[in-house]
């Protein structure tokens, strides 16, 4: 017995991506309509939630950047706070705490800043003092003129 299939001269069916007789290039295979695309397989809640989170997050980042704005010239209170801290650290004092709110007054064309400071000296004794700073402002430039401590 011969297991080979009989040879016939009947026309064979064409493959789904065969070349059309009048076209020069092969055509793309037809997409199976019964198989959905990747987006259709994504759950509906994810299709709604993910873009919403991205838009709201982007808006929050933009709003935060606008609210902060560019940093302007240094505040007189910040200059006084930094100068007082560095002066006390230079003297060997530790645990330096300046008042959170410093009083600022304009006098003689300068900002006068005052507040309280607490620190520990080299012997371990805790001290409370008044700090006073004079900051001169010329346009956008603020310069520390003096820092003084009073018991």
Protein backbone atom coordinates (compact mmCIF):
# COMPACT_ATOMS: atom_id res chain seq x y z
CA UNK A 1 0.00 0.00 0.00
CA UNK A 2 1.08 3.39 -0.86
CA UNK A 3 0.61 5.94 1.98
CA UNK A 4 1.13 8.97 -0.22
CA UNK A 5 -1.86 11.14 -1.01
CA UNK A 6 -3.02 10.95 -4.59
CA UNK A 7 -1.80 13.81 -6.74
CA UNK A 8 -4.55 15.83 -8.30
CA UNK A 9 -4.51 18.71 -10.71
CA UNK A 10 -7.25 20.50 -8.77
CA UNK A 11 -6.39 24.08 -7.75
CA UNK A 12 -5.10 24.38 -4.17
CA UNK A 13 -6.71 26.91 -1.82
CA UNK A 14 -4.68 30.05 -1.43
CA UNK A 15 -3.02 30.97 1.90
CA UNK A 16 -4.62 33.92 3.77
CA UNK A 17 -1.61 36.15 3.08
CA UNK A 18 -0.91 35.25 -0.50
CA UNK A 19 -0.05 37.76 -3.16
CA UNK A 20 -2.94 39.09 -5.19
CA UNK A 21 -2.47 38.38 -8.86
CA UNK A 22 -2.42 42.08 -9.80
CA UNK A 23 -0.27 43.36 -6.86
CA UNK A 24 3.51 43.55 -6.90
CA UNK A 25 4.06 43.32 -3.10
CA UNK A 26 2.58 40.93 -0.57
CA UNK A 27 -0.29 42.25 1.55
CA UNK A 28 -0.49 42.05 5.33
CA UNK A 29 -2.43 39.13 6.73
CA UNK A 30 -5.98 39.88 7.81
CA UNK A 31 -6.40 40.29 11.57
CA UNK A 32 -8.59 37.76 13.27
CA UNK A 33 -11.69 39.73 14.31
CA UNK A 34 -12.59 37.25 17.06
CA UNK A 35 -9.45 38.15 19.08
CA UNK A 36 -9.75 41.55 20.89
CA UNK A 37 -6.86 44.04 20.98
CA UNK A 38 -4.75 44.72 24.07
CA UNK A 39 -6.74 47.80 25.10
CA UNK A 40 -10.02 45.87 25.05
CA UNK A 41 -8.49 43.32 27.45
CA UNK A 42 -7.63 46.03 30.03
CA UNK A 43 -10.31 46.27 32.75
CA UNK A 44 -12.58 49.30 32.53
CA UNK A 45 -11.61 50.58 36.00
CA UNK A 46 -7.95 50.69 34.93
CA UNK A 47 -8.82 52.52 31.71
CA UNK A 48 -10.46 55.25 33.79
CA UNK A 49 -8.28 55.31 36.93
CA UNK A 50 -4.78 55.36 35.44
CA UNK A 51 -5.25 58.45 33.21
CA UNK A 52 -7.11 60.22 36.04
CA UNK A 53 -4.26 59.60 38.49
CA UNK A 54 -1.70 60.80 35.94
CA UNK A 55 -3.62 64.03 35.23
CA UNK A 56 -4.34 64.80 38.90
CA UNK A 57 -0.73 64.03 39.89
CA UNK A 58 0.62 66.26 37.13
CA UNK A 59 -1.71 69.07 38.16
CA UNK A 60 -0.56 68.73 41.79
CA UNK A 61 3.09 68.93 40.76
CA UNK A 62 2.46 72.03 38.65
CA UNK A 63 0.41 73.67 41.44
CA UNK A 64 3.16 72.94 43.96
CA UNK A 65 5.83 74.41 41.71
CA UNK A 66 3.76 77.55 41.14
CA UNK A 67 2.95 77.95 44.85
CA UNK A 68 6.59 77.70 45.90
CA UNK A 69 7.76 80.05 43.18
CA UNK A 70 11.31 81.17 42.73
CA UNK A 71 13.26 81.76 45.91
CA UNK A 72 13.82 85.46 46.42
CA UNK A 73 16.50 87.22 48.40
CA UNK A 74 17.27 85.80 51.82
CA UNK A 75 14.89 86.77 54.60
CA UNK A 76 16.36 88.93 57.37
CA UNK A 77 15.23 86.43 59.99
CA UNK A 78 16.98 83.58 58.16
CA UNK A 79 20.20 85.59 57.91
CA UNK A 80 20.10 86.37 61.63
CA UNK A 81 19.30 82.76 62.53
CA UNK A 82 22.21 81.41 60.42
CA UNK A 83 24.67 84.01 61.73
CA UNK A 84 23.74 83.47 65.38
CA UNK A 85 23.98 79.69 65.04
CA UNK A 86 27.37 79.79 63.33
CA UNK A 87 28.74 82.32 65.88
CA UNK A 88 27.66 80.14 68.83
CA UNK A 89 28.96 76.95 67.19
CA UNK A 90 32.28 78.74 66.60
CA UNK A 91 32.51 79.36 70.35
CA UNK A 92 32.00 75.64 71.07
CA UNK A 93 28.37 75.85 72.19
CA UNK A 94 25.93 73.01 71.42
CA UNK A 95 22.16 72.35 71.41
CA UNK A 96 21.46 75.78 69.95
CA UNK A 97 17.76 76.65 69.71
CA UNK A 98 16.58 80.01 68.38
CA UNK A 99 13.02 81.25 68.76
CA UNK A 100 10.82 80.14 65.88
CA UNK A 101 9.48 83.63 65.37
CA UNK A 102 11.92 86.51 65.45
CA UNK A 103 10.79 90.13 65.73
CA UNK A 104 11.73 92.28 62.74
CA UNK A 105 11.69 96.07 62.79
CA UNK A 106 12.77 98.57 60.12
CA UNK A 107 15.03 101.30 61.56
CA UNK A 108 17.62 103.64 60.00
CA UNK A 109 17.35 101.92 56.61
CA UNK A 110 18.16 98.49 58.07
CA UNK A 111 16.25 95.49 59.39
CA UNK A 112 16.70 94.91 63.12
CA UNK A 113 15.93 91.33 64.10
CA UNK A 114 15.67 90.12 67.70
CA UNK A 115 14.66 86.97 69.52
CA UNK A 116 15.68 84.49 72.18
CA UNK A 117 18.28 81.76 71.97
CA UNK A 118 19.03 78.79 74.22
CA UNK A 119 22.36 76.93 74.10
CA UNK A 120 24.65 74.68 76.13
CA UNK A 121 28.21 75.86 76.79
CA UNK A 122 31.37 73.74 76.94
CA UNK A 123 30.91 73.09 80.70
CA UNK A 124 27.41 71.70 80.13
CA UNK A 125 25.49 74.68 81.54
CA UNK A 126 22.35 75.82 79.73
CA UNK A 127 22.12 79.52 78.88
CA UNK A 128 19.25 81.72 77.70
CA UNK A 129 20.10 84.93 75.88
CA UNK A 130 18.65 87.62 73.66
CA UNK A 131 20.05 87.81 70.14
CA UNK A 132 19.94 91.00 68.07
CA UNK A 133 21.01 91.31 64.44
CA UNK A 134 21.25 94.26 62.08
CA UNK A 135 20.76 93.49 58.39
CA UNK A 136 21.35 96.14 55.75
CA UNK A 137 19.32 95.81 52.55
CA UNK A 138 20.53 97.35 49.30
CA UNK A 139 18.12 96.50 46.48
CA UNK A 140 17.92 92.70 46.35
CA UNK A 141 21.13 92.24 48.36
CA UNK A 142 20.83 91.70 52.14
CA UNK A 143 24.03 91.92 54.21
CA UNK A 144 24.51 91.06 57.86
CA UNK A 145 25.98 94.07 59.68
CA UNK A 146 26.15 92.71 63.24
CA UNK A 147 25.11 89.91 65.61
CA UNK A 148 25.02 90.53 69.36
CA UNK A 149 24.02 88.41 72.34
CA UNK A 150 22.66 89.82 75.64
CA UNK A 151 22.02 87.87 78.87
